[in-house]
Amino acid sequence: MLANSLIGLVCLIHVLIFLAETVFYRSWGVKVFKIKPEDVEDKAAAMSNQGCYNGFLVAALLLGLLYPEPAVAKAFAGYGLLCVAVAGVWGAVTVARKVLFVQTVPAVLGLAFLYL
C-alpha cells in the first residue's frame, strides 16, 4: 500500500511537470521553471519535448498502478520509478539540486517499498 502511494505521488508530480512543460508552458510553466521572458519562445519546443518524455513516465507509472497482472504491473512501476530516479539525479547535476528531492527521493523510496 505504501509503495502504491509513493508510485501515485511520483505519477502526480510528473503529471504536473508534463502539464507545465506542454499545455501550460507559456503561462504556468515559465513561472515554475523561472524562464526569462526573452527565452520563452526559444525554449518552447525543447520544453514540449521534455514534457512528452514526462508523459511517457506517467504512462509507465499508471500501468504500474492499474495493470491487472501483478507481475507486469510491478515491472512497469519499477521501470517508471527507475527512470524517474535516474532523470532526477541528472536534473540535480545539470539543472538544480532541488530536483534530487522532488523527483529522485520519492522515486527511490517507491522502488524500495515496491521491492521489499
Protein backbone atom coordinates (compact mmCIF):
# COMPACT_ATOMS: atom_id res chain seq x y z
CA MET A 1 0.00 0.00 0.00
CA LEU A 2 2.85 2.40 0.81
CA ALA A 3 4.57 1.51 -2.48
CA ASN A 4 1.38 2.30 -4.41
CA SER A 5 1.01 5.60 -2.55
CA LEU A 6 4.57 6.58 -3.49
CA ILE A 7 4.03 5.47 -7.10
CA GLY A 8 0.89 7.62 -7.15
CA LEU A 9 2.79 10.59 -5.72
CA VAL A 10 5.59 10.26 -8.29
CA CYS A 11 2.97 9.90 -11.03
CA LEU A 12 1.18 13.06 -9.85
CA ILE A 13 4.45 15.01 -9.73
CA HIS A 14 5.14 14.02 -13.34
CA VAL A 15 1.62 14.83 -14.49
CA LEU A 16 2.21 18.34 -13.14
CA ILE A 17 5.63 18.54 -14.80
CA PHE A 18 4.11 17.31 -18.07
CA LEU A 19 1.42 19.99 -17.90
CA ALA A 20 3.93 22.73 -17.01
CA GLU A 21 6.17 21.76 -19.93
CA THR A 22 3.44 21.35 -22.54
CA VAL A 23 -0.13 22.55 -22.09
CA PHE A 24 0.59 25.40 -19.67
CA TYR A 25 4.17 26.18 -20.66
CA ARG A 26 3.64 29.82 -21.68
CA SER A 27 1.63 30.68 -18.58
CA TRP A 28 2.40 28.48 -15.59
CA GLY A 29 5.47 26.65 -16.93
CA VAL A 30 7.60 29.73 -17.44
CA LYS A 31 6.98 30.67 -13.80
CA VAL A 32 7.68 27.18 -12.46
CA PHE A 33 10.92 26.87 -14.42
CA LYS A 34 11.90 30.55 -13.99
CA ILE A 35 12.31 31.15 -17.72
CA LYS A 36 13.18 34.69 -18.70
CA PRO A 37 10.58 36.40 -20.92
CA GLU A 38 13.08 36.78 -23.74
CA ASP A 39 13.77 33.00 -23.69
CA VAL A 40 10.18 31.72 -23.65
CA GLU A 41 9.78 31.18 -27.39
CA ASP A 42 13.30 29.83 -27.91
CA LYS A 43 12.75 27.15 -25.26
CA ALA A 44 9.16 26.24 -26.14
CA ALA A 45 9.96 23.32 -28.46
CA ALA A 46 12.56 21.81 -26.11
CA MET A 47 10.22 22.11 -23.13
CA SER A 48 7.42 20.47 -25.08
CA ASN A 49 9.77 17.62 -25.97
CA GLN A 50 10.74 17.20 -22.31
CA GLY A 51 7.07 17.22 -21.40
CA CYS A 52 6.46 14.41 -23.85
CA TYR A 53 9.03 12.27 -22.04
CA ASN A 54 7.43 13.07 -18.70
CA GLY A 55 4.13 11.94 -20.18
CA PHE A 56 5.74 8.59 -21.03
CA LEU A 57 6.88 8.25 -17.42
CA VAL A 58 3.32 8.92 -16.29
CA ALA A 59 2.08 6.19 -18.62
CA ALA A 60 4.54 3.64 -17.19
CA LEU A 61 3.62 4.57 -13.62
CA LEU A 62 -0.12 4.41 -14.34
CA LEU A 63 0.33 0.97 -15.86
CA GLY A 64 2.21 0.03 -12.72
CA LEU A 65 -0.76 1.08 -10.63
CA LEU A 66 -3.58 -0.20 -12.83
CA TYR A 67 -2.42 -3.20 -14.85
CA PRO A 68 -4.40 -6.26 -13.73
CA GLU A 69 -1.49 -8.74 -13.82
CA PRO A 70 0.63 -8.09 -10.67
CA ALA A 71 3.99 -9.14 -12.15
CA VAL A 72 3.51 -6.92 -15.21
CA ALA A 73 2.27 -4.03 -13.06
CA LYS A 74 5.34 -4.35 -10.83
CA ALA A 75 7.63 -4.34 -13.87
CA PHE A 76 6.02 -1.16 -15.23
CA ALA A 77 6.15 0.52 -11.83
CA GLY A 78 9.79 -0.45 -11.32
CA TYR A 79 10.75 0.75 -14.78
CA GLY A 80 8.94 4.07 -14.33
CA LEU A 81 10.39 4.71 -10.88
CA LEU A 82 13.91 3.81 -12.00
CA CYS A 83 13.65 6.18 -14.98
CA VAL A 84 12.41 8.98 -12.71
CA ALA A 85 15.22 8.34 -10.21
CA VAL A 86 17.91 8.47 -12.90
CA ALA A 87 16.39 11.55 -14.54
CA GLY A 88 16.19 13.21 -11.13
CA VAL A 89 19.88 12.61 -10.46
CA TRP A 90 20.73 14.02 -13.88
CA GLY A 91 18.46 17.01 -13.27
CA ALA A 92 20.13 17.64 -9.92
CA VAL A 93 23.54 17.64 -11.60
CA THR A 94 22.59 19.73 -14.62
CA VAL A 95 19.67 21.97 -13.53
CA ALA A 96 19.12 22.38 -9.79
CA ARG A 97 19.86 20.38 -6.66
CA LYS A 98 16.21 20.53 -5.58
CA VAL A 99 15.33 18.16 -8.46
CA LEU A 100 17.00 15.41 -6.43
CA PHE A 101 14.49 15.92 -3.63
CA VAL A 102 11.43 16.47 -5.80
CA GLN A 103 11.99 13.56 -8.18
CA THR A 104 14.70 11.15 -7.05
CA VAL A 105 13.91 10.76 -3.37
CA PRO A 106 10.22 9.83 -3.85
CA ALA A 107 11.13 7.50 -6.74
CA VAL A 108 13.86 5.71 -4.75
CA LEU A 109 11.53 5.35 -1.77
CA GLY A 110 8.88 3.96 -4.11
CA LEU A 111 11.39 1.46 -5.52
CA ALA A 112 12.45 0.41 -2.04
CA PHE A 113 8.89 -0.26 -0.91
CA LEU A 114 7.96 -1.89 -4.23
CA TYR A 115 10.72 -4.48 -3.93
CA LEU A 116 10.63 -5.07 -0.16
